[in-house]
């Protein structure tokens, strides 16, 4: 989702098809996506074992960690995605997510982020979807 949004913002309907492909590719390639959701079944993937109902974090589509605290998993996922000084992070809040100010404060303290936006996303099944650029 994060890469798709970056590409959508870069789209110029007046550009030629080859130019559009180049622009969209350039826009989405440096973007990382962090998703926090709930495991539907017991399983192991990408070297991580999870239980059904446990919170999980995916970074660029790969299962990276599991736990009981969704907000802590968001912090872990963003750290794994790389949040260097000067990067921009956008977090889309979904069903069951804490208030935006709680999320923003936690990320600022844990990751020392200065460019962070926390927005309502309204997505079901994913309390957090984040974009790291």
N, C-alpha and C. Protein backbone atom coordinates (compact mmCIF):
# COMPACT_ATOMS: atom_id res chain seq x y z
N UNK A 1 0.81 -1.18 0.00
CA UNK A 1 0.00 0.00 0.00
C UNK A 1 0.86 1.26 0.00
N UNK A 2 1.89 1.28 0.83
CA UNK A 2 2.72 2.48 0.94
C UNK A 2 3.39 2.81 -0.39
N UNK A 3 3.90 1.80 -1.07
CA UNK A 3 4.54 2.03 -2.35
C UNK A 3 3.52 2.51 -3.39
N UNK A 4 2.32 1.96 -3.34
CA UNK A 4 1.26 2.37 -4.27
C UNK A 4 0.87 3.82 -4.08
N UNK A 5 0.78 4.25 -2.84
CA UNK A 5 0.46 5.66 -2.58
C UNK A 5 1.57 6.58 -3.07
N UNK A 6 2.80 6.20 -2.86
CA UNK A 6 3.92 7.02 -3.34
C UNK A 6 3.87 7.15 -4.86
N UNK A 7 3.58 6.05 -5.53
CA UNK A 7 3.48 6.08 -6.99
C UNK A 7 2.29 6.93 -7.43
N UNK A 8 1.16 6.80 -6.74
CA UNK A 8 -0.03 7.57 -7.11
C UNK A 8 0.23 9.08 -7.01
N UNK A 9 0.95 9.50 -5.97
CA UNK A 9 1.25 10.92 -5.82
C UNK A 9 2.20 11.41 -6.91
N UNK A 10 2.99 10.52 -7.47
CA UNK A 10 3.95 10.91 -8.51
C UNK A 10 3.33 10.90 -9.91
N UNK A 11 2.14 10.34 -10.05
CA UNK A 11 1.53 10.20 -11.38
C UNK A 11 1.20 11.55 -12.01
N UNK A 12 1.56 11.69 -13.28
CA UNK A 12 1.24 12.87 -14.08
C UNK A 12 0.52 12.38 -15.33
N UNK A 13 -0.76 12.62 -15.41
CA UNK A 13 -1.56 12.15 -16.54
C UNK A 13 -1.17 12.74 -17.88
N UNK A 14 -0.37 13.79 -17.88
CA UNK A 14 0.07 14.40 -19.14
C UNK A 14 1.35 13.77 -19.67
N UNK A 15 2.03 12.99 -18.85
CA UNK A 15 3.31 12.39 -19.25
C UNK A 15 3.08 11.21 -20.18
N UNK A 16 4.08 10.92 -21.00
CA UNK A 16 4.02 9.75 -21.89
C UNK A 16 4.06 8.48 -21.04
N UNK A 17 3.66 7.37 -21.63
CA UNK A 17 3.67 6.09 -20.91
C UNK A 17 5.08 5.74 -20.42
N UNK A 18 6.11 5.82 -21.26
CA UNK A 18 7.46 5.50 -20.77
C UNK A 18 7.90 6.44 -19.63
N UNK A 19 7.58 7.73 -19.76
CA UNK A 19 7.95 8.69 -18.71
C UNK A 19 7.21 8.36 -17.42
N UNK A 20 5.92 8.01 -17.54
CA UNK A 20 5.12 7.66 -16.36
C UNK A 20 5.69 6.44 -15.65
N UNK A 21 6.06 5.42 -16.41
CA UNK A 21 6.64 4.22 -15.81
C UNK A 21 7.91 4.58 -15.05
N UNK A 22 8.76 5.38 -15.64
CA UNK A 22 10.01 5.79 -14.99
C UNK A 22 9.72 6.59 -13.72
N UNK A 23 8.79 7.54 -13.80
CA UNK A 23 8.46 8.38 -12.64
C UNK A 23 7.86 7.56 -11.51
N UNK A 24 6.93 6.66 -11.83
CA UNK A 24 6.28 5.86 -10.81
C UNK A 24 7.26 4.90 -10.15
N UNK A 25 8.14 4.31 -10.95
CA UNK A 25 9.15 3.39 -10.42
C UNK A 25 10.09 4.14 -9.48
N UNK A 26 10.51 5.31 -9.90
CA UNK A 26 11.41 6.12 -9.07
C UNK A 26 10.74 6.52 -7.76
N UNK A 27 9.44 6.75 -7.79
CA UNK A 27 8.71 7.18 -6.60
C UNK A 27 8.54 6.06 -5.58
N UNK A 28 8.26 4.84 -6.04
CA UNK A 28 7.94 3.78 -5.07
C UNK A 28 9.15 2.99 -4.60
N UNK A 29 10.22 2.94 -5.35
CA UNK A 29 11.35 2.08 -4.98
C UNK A 29 11.98 2.38 -3.62
N UNK A 30 12.15 3.64 -3.22
CA UNK A 30 12.79 3.88 -1.92
C UNK A 30 11.83 3.76 -0.72
N UNK A 31 10.56 3.47 -0.97
CA UNK A 31 9.55 3.44 0.09
C UNK A 31 9.47 2.04 0.71
N UNK A 32 9.43 2.00 2.04
CA UNK A 32 9.25 0.73 2.75
C UNK A 32 7.87 0.75 3.40
N UNK A 33 7.24 -0.41 3.46
CA UNK A 33 5.92 -0.54 4.04
C UNK A 33 5.99 -1.42 5.29
N UNK A 34 5.38 -0.93 6.38
CA UNK A 34 5.31 -1.68 7.64
C UNK A 34 3.82 -1.88 7.94
N UNK A 35 3.43 -3.14 8.16
CA UNK A 35 2.04 -3.46 8.43
C UNK A 35 1.93 -4.27 9.73
N UNK A 36 1.01 -3.87 10.58
CA UNK A 36 0.74 -4.61 11.81
C UNK A 36 -0.67 -5.17 11.69
N UNK A 37 -0.79 -6.47 11.92
CA UNK A 37 -2.08 -7.15 11.82
C UNK A 37 -2.10 -8.29 12.84
N UNK A 38 -3.05 -9.20 12.68
CA UNK A 38 -3.20 -10.32 13.60
C UNK A 38 -3.08 -11.63 12.83
N UNK A 39 -2.33 -12.57 13.36
CA UNK A 39 -2.16 -13.87 12.71
C UNK A 39 -3.48 -14.63 12.73
N UNK A 40 -3.84 -15.18 11.60
CA UNK A 40 -5.09 -15.94 11.47
C UNK A 40 -4.92 -17.39 11.90
N UNK A 41 -3.68 -17.88 11.91
CA UNK A 41 -3.44 -19.29 12.25
C UNK A 41 -2.03 -19.44 12.82
N UNK A 42 -1.80 -20.55 13.50
CA UNK A 42 -0.45 -20.88 13.95
C UNK A 42 0.38 -21.18 12.71
N UNK A 43 1.58 -20.62 12.66
CA UNK A 43 2.45 -20.92 11.53
C UNK A 43 3.84 -20.36 11.75
N UNK A 44 4.73 -20.77 10.88
CA UNK A 44 6.08 -20.21 10.84
C UNK A 44 6.34 -19.73 9.42
N UNK A 45 6.90 -18.55 9.32
CA UNK A 45 7.25 -17.99 8.01
C UNK A 45 8.41 -17.03 8.20
N UNK A 46 9.28 -16.99 7.24
CA UNK A 46 10.41 -16.07 7.26
C UNK A 46 11.21 -16.16 8.56
N UNK A 47 11.23 -17.37 9.16
CA UNK A 47 11.99 -17.59 10.39
C UNK A 47 11.30 -17.14 11.66
N UNK A 48 10.02 -16.78 11.59
CA UNK A 48 9.26 -16.31 12.75
C UNK A 48 8.10 -17.26 12.98
N UNK A 49 7.91 -17.71 14.21
CA UNK A 49 6.77 -18.55 14.57
C UNK A 49 5.72 -17.70 15.26
N UNK A 50 4.45 -17.91 14.88
CA UNK A 50 3.36 -17.13 15.47
C UNK A 50 2.22 -18.06 15.86
N UNK A 51 1.41 -17.58 16.81
CA UNK A 51 0.20 -18.29 17.22
C UNK A 51 -1.01 -17.53 16.67
N UNK A 52 -2.07 -18.25 16.38
CA UNK A 52 -3.31 -17.62 15.94
C UNK A 52 -3.74 -16.58 16.96
N UNK A 53 -4.12 -15.40 16.49
CA UNK A 53 -4.56 -14.32 17.36
C UNK A 53 -3.46 -13.41 17.85
N UNK A 54 -2.22 -13.78 17.60
CA UNK A 54 -1.09 -12.97 18.04
C UNK A 54 -0.87 -11.83 17.04
N UNK A 55 -0.44 -10.67 17.54
CA UNK A 55 -0.10 -9.55 16.67
C UNK A 55 1.19 -9.86 15.92
N UNK A 56 1.25 -9.43 14.66
CA UNK A 56 2.44 -9.65 13.83
C UNK A 56 2.78 -8.36 13.08
N UNK A 57 4.04 -8.25 12.69
CA UNK A 57 4.46 -7.12 11.87
C UNK A 57 5.14 -7.65 10.62
N UNK A 58 4.75 -7.05 9.50
CA UNK A 58 5.36 -7.37 8.21
C UNK A 58 6.11 -6.13 7.73
N UNK A 59 7.30 -6.32 7.20
CA UNK A 59 8.07 -5.24 6.63
C UNK A 59 8.32 -5.60 5.17
N UNK A 60 7.81 -4.78 4.29
CA UNK A 60 7.90 -5.04 2.85
C UNK A 60 7.40 -6.43 2.51
N UNK A 61 6.31 -6.82 3.17
CA UNK A 61 5.64 -8.09 2.87
C UNK A 61 6.20 -9.32 3.56
N UNK A 62 7.27 -9.16 4.34
CA UNK A 62 7.87 -10.31 5.02
C UNK A 62 7.57 -10.25 6.52
N UNK A 63 7.18 -11.39 7.07
CA UNK A 63 6.92 -11.50 8.50
C UNK A 63 8.23 -11.29 9.24
N UNK A 64 8.24 -10.30 10.16
CA UNK A 64 9.49 -9.99 10.85
C UNK A 64 9.43 -10.21 12.35
N UNK A 65 8.23 -10.13 12.97
CA UNK A 65 8.14 -10.33 14.42
C UNK A 65 6.70 -10.58 14.81
N UNK A 66 6.54 -11.16 16.01
CA UNK A 66 5.22 -11.41 16.58
C UNK A 66 5.26 -11.03 18.05
N UNK A 67 4.12 -10.67 18.59
CA UNK A 67 4.05 -10.31 20.00
C UNK A 67 2.64 -9.99 20.41
N UNK A 68 2.51 -9.40 21.59
CA UNK A 68 1.18 -9.09 22.12
C UNK A 68 0.84 -7.61 22.04
N UNK A 69 1.83 -6.76 21.84
CA UNK A 69 1.62 -5.31 21.85
C UNK A 69 1.76 -4.77 20.42
N UNK A 70 0.63 -4.39 19.82
CA UNK A 70 0.64 -3.93 18.43
C UNK A 70 1.48 -2.68 18.23
N UNK A 71 1.41 -1.74 19.17
CA UNK A 71 2.19 -0.51 19.03
C UNK A 71 3.68 -0.79 19.13
N UNK A 72 4.07 -1.69 20.02
CA UNK A 72 5.49 -2.06 20.12
C UNK A 72 5.96 -2.74 18.83
N UNK A 73 5.09 -3.54 18.22
CA UNK A 73 5.45 -4.17 16.95
C UNK A 73 5.60 -3.14 15.84
N UNK A 74 4.79 -2.08 15.87
CA UNK A 74 4.97 -1.00 14.90
C UNK A 74 6.34 -0.36 15.08
N UNK A 75 6.73 -0.10 16.32
CA UNK A 75 8.06 0.46 16.61
C UNK A 75 9.14 -0.47 16.06
N UNK A 76 9.04 -1.76 16.35
CA UNK A 76 10.02 -2.73 15.86
C UNK A 76 10.06 -2.76 14.34
N UNK A 77 8.90 -2.78 13.72
CA UNK A 77 8.83 -2.81 12.26
C UNK A 77 9.46 -1.59 11.62
N UNK A 78 9.19 -0.41 12.18
CA UNK A 78 9.80 0.80 11.64
C UNK A 78 11.31 0.78 11.81
N UNK A 79 11.77 0.29 12.95
CA UNK A 79 13.22 0.18 13.16
C UNK A 79 13.83 -0.77 12.14
N UNK A 80 13.16 -1.89 11.87
CA UNK A 80 13.67 -2.85 10.89
C UNK A 80 13.62 -2.30 9.46
N UNK A 81 12.66 -1.44 9.19
CA UNK A 81 12.55 -0.84 7.85
C UNK A 81 13.62 0.22 7.64
N UNK A 82 14.19 0.69 8.74
CA UNK A 82 15.21 1.73 8.65
C UNK A 82 14.54 3.09 8.74
N UNK A 83 14.79 3.79 9.80
CA UNK A 83 14.23 5.13 9.98
C UNK A 83 15.37 6.09 10.25
N UNK A 84 16.20 6.32 9.23
CA UNK A 84 17.33 7.23 9.43
C UNK A 84 16.87 8.65 9.66
N UNK A 85 17.74 9.44 10.23
CA UNK A 85 17.44 10.85 10.44
C UNK A 85 17.04 11.48 9.12
N UNK A 86 15.97 12.22 9.14
CA UNK A 86 15.53 12.90 7.94
C UNK A 86 14.51 12.13 7.12
N UNK A 87 14.23 10.88 7.49
CA UNK A 87 13.24 10.14 6.73
C UNK A 87 11.84 10.61 7.15
N UNK A 88 10.88 10.40 6.26
CA UNK A 88 9.49 10.75 6.55
C UNK A 88 8.72 9.47 6.82
N UNK A 89 7.94 9.47 7.89
CA UNK A 89 7.12 8.32 8.24
C UNK A 89 5.66 8.77 8.28
N UNK A 90 4.81 8.02 7.59
CA UNK A 90 3.37 8.25 7.63
C UNK A 90 2.74 6.98 8.15
N UNK A 91 1.92 7.10 9.20
CA UNK A 91 1.23 5.96 9.78
C UNK A 91 -0.26 6.15 9.55
N UNK A 92 -0.87 5.13 8.96
CA UNK A 92 -2.32 5.14 8.73
C UNK A 92 -2.95 4.26 9.80
N UNK A 93 -3.85 4.86 10.59
CA UNK A 93 -4.50 4.16 11.68
C UNK A 93 -5.73 3.41 11.19
N UNK A 94 -5.81 2.15 11.57
CA UNK A 94 -6.96 1.33 11.21
C UNK A 94 -7.78 0.96 12.42
N UNK A 95 -8.65 0.00 12.24
CA UNK A 95 -9.52 -0.47 13.32
C UNK A 95 -8.69 -0.93 14.52
N UNK A 96 -9.07 -0.49 15.70
CA UNK A 96 -8.42 -0.93 16.93
C UNK A 96 -7.15 -0.20 17.28
N UNK A 97 -6.76 0.79 16.49
CA UNK A 97 -5.52 1.53 16.77
C UNK A 97 -5.75 2.55 17.88
N UNK A 98 -4.70 2.84 18.66
CA UNK A 98 -4.81 3.90 19.66
C UNK A 98 -4.98 5.27 18.99
N UNK A 99 -5.21 6.28 19.80
CA UNK A 99 -5.34 7.65 19.30
C UNK A 99 -4.04 8.10 18.62
N UNK A 100 -4.18 8.99 17.66
CA UNK A 100 -3.04 9.47 16.87
C UNK A 100 -1.94 10.07 17.76
N UNK A 101 -2.32 10.84 18.77
CA UNK A 101 -1.29 11.48 19.61
C UNK A 101 -0.50 10.44 20.41
N UNK A 102 -1.14 9.35 20.82
CA UNK A 102 -0.44 8.28 21.54
C UNK A 102 0.59 7.63 20.63
N UNK A 103 0.19 7.34 19.40
CA UNK A 103 1.09 6.71 18.43
C UNK A 103 2.25 7.64 18.11
N UNK A 104 1.95 8.89 17.82
CA UNK A 104 2.99 9.86 17.46
C UNK A 104 4.02 10.03 18.58
N UNK A 105 3.54 10.18 19.81
CA UNK A 105 4.46 10.34 20.94
C UNK A 105 5.34 9.11 21.13
N UNK A 106 4.76 7.94 21.03
CA UNK A 106 5.54 6.69 21.21
C UNK A 106 6.63 6.58 20.15
N UNK A 107 6.30 6.89 18.91
CA UNK A 107 7.28 6.79 17.83
C UNK A 107 8.37 7.85 17.96
N UNK A 108 7.99 9.04 18.38
CA UNK A 108 8.99 10.10 18.56
C UNK A 108 9.98 9.73 19.65
N UNK A 109 9.49 9.16 20.74
CA UNK A 109 10.36 8.77 21.85
C UNK A 109 11.22 7.56 21.46
N UNK A 110 10.60 6.54 20.90
CA UNK A 110 11.32 5.29 20.61
C UNK A 110 12.31 5.43 19.46
N UNK A 111 11.94 6.17 18.42
CA UNK A 111 12.76 6.21 17.21
C UNK A 111 13.34 7.59 16.92
N UNK A 112 13.01 8.55 17.76
CA UNK A 112 13.49 9.93 17.58
C UNK A 112 13.14 10.47 16.20
N UNK A 113 11.92 10.17 15.78
CA UNK A 113 11.45 10.65 14.49
C UNK A 113 11.05 12.12 14.60
N UNK A 114 11.40 12.89 13.59
CA UNK A 114 11.00 14.28 13.59
C UNK A 114 9.98 14.57 12.50
N UNK A 115 9.96 13.78 11.45
CA UNK A 115 9.00 13.97 10.36
C UNK A 115 8.02 12.80 10.36
N UNK A 116 6.96 12.93 11.16
CA UNK A 116 6.00 11.85 11.29
C UNK A 116 4.59 12.41 11.16
N UNK A 117 3.78 11.71 10.39
CA UNK A 117 2.37 12.03 10.27
C UNK A 117 1.59 10.79 10.69
N UNK A 118 0.56 10.99 11.48
CA UNK A 118 -0.32 9.90 11.87
C UNK A 118 -1.72 10.30 11.40
N UNK A 119 -2.25 9.51 10.48
CA UNK A 119 -3.51 9.85 9.82
C UNK A 119 -4.53 8.73 9.96
N UNK A 120 -5.82 9.07 9.94
CA UNK A 120 -6.83 8.01 9.93
C UNK A 120 -6.79 7.29 8.59
N UNK A 121 -6.75 5.97 8.65
CA UNK A 121 -6.74 5.18 7.42
C UNK A 121 -8.05 4.42 7.24
N UNK A 122 -8.64 4.03 8.37
CA UNK A 122 -9.92 3.35 8.32
C UNK A 122 -9.87 1.91 7.86
N UNK A 123 -8.67 1.35 7.69
CA UNK A 123 -8.56 -0.01 7.17
C UNK A 123 -8.92 -1.04 8.23
N UNK A 124 -9.65 -2.04 7.80
CA UNK A 124 -9.98 -3.17 8.69
C UNK A 124 -8.79 -4.11 8.72
N UNK A 125 -8.66 -4.87 9.77
CA UNK A 125 -7.66 -5.93 9.93
C UNK A 125 -6.23 -5.45 10.15
N UNK A 126 -5.93 -4.21 9.86
CA UNK A 126 -4.57 -3.67 10.02
C UNK A 126 -4.65 -2.42 10.89
N UNK A 127 -4.37 -2.52 12.20
CA UNK A 127 -4.42 -1.32 13.02
C UNK A 127 -3.40 -0.27 12.58
N UNK A 128 -2.29 -0.73 11.99
CA UNK A 128 -1.26 0.19 11.50
C UNK A 128 -0.74 -0.24 10.13
N UNK A 129 -0.68 0.73 9.24
CA UNK A 129 0.08 0.59 8.00
C UNK A 129 0.94 1.84 7.93
N UNK A 130 2.24 1.64 7.77
CA UNK A 130 3.16 2.79 7.78
C UNK A 130 4.01 2.80 6.53
N UNK A 131 4.34 4.00 6.12
CA UNK A 131 5.21 4.24 4.98
C UNK A 131 6.47 4.92 5.48
N UNK A 132 7.63 4.40 5.08
CA UNK A 132 8.91 4.99 5.45
C UNK A 132 9.58 5.45 4.16
N UNK A 133 9.84 6.76 4.06
CA UNK A 133 10.45 7.30 2.84
C UNK A 133 11.71 8.07 3.19
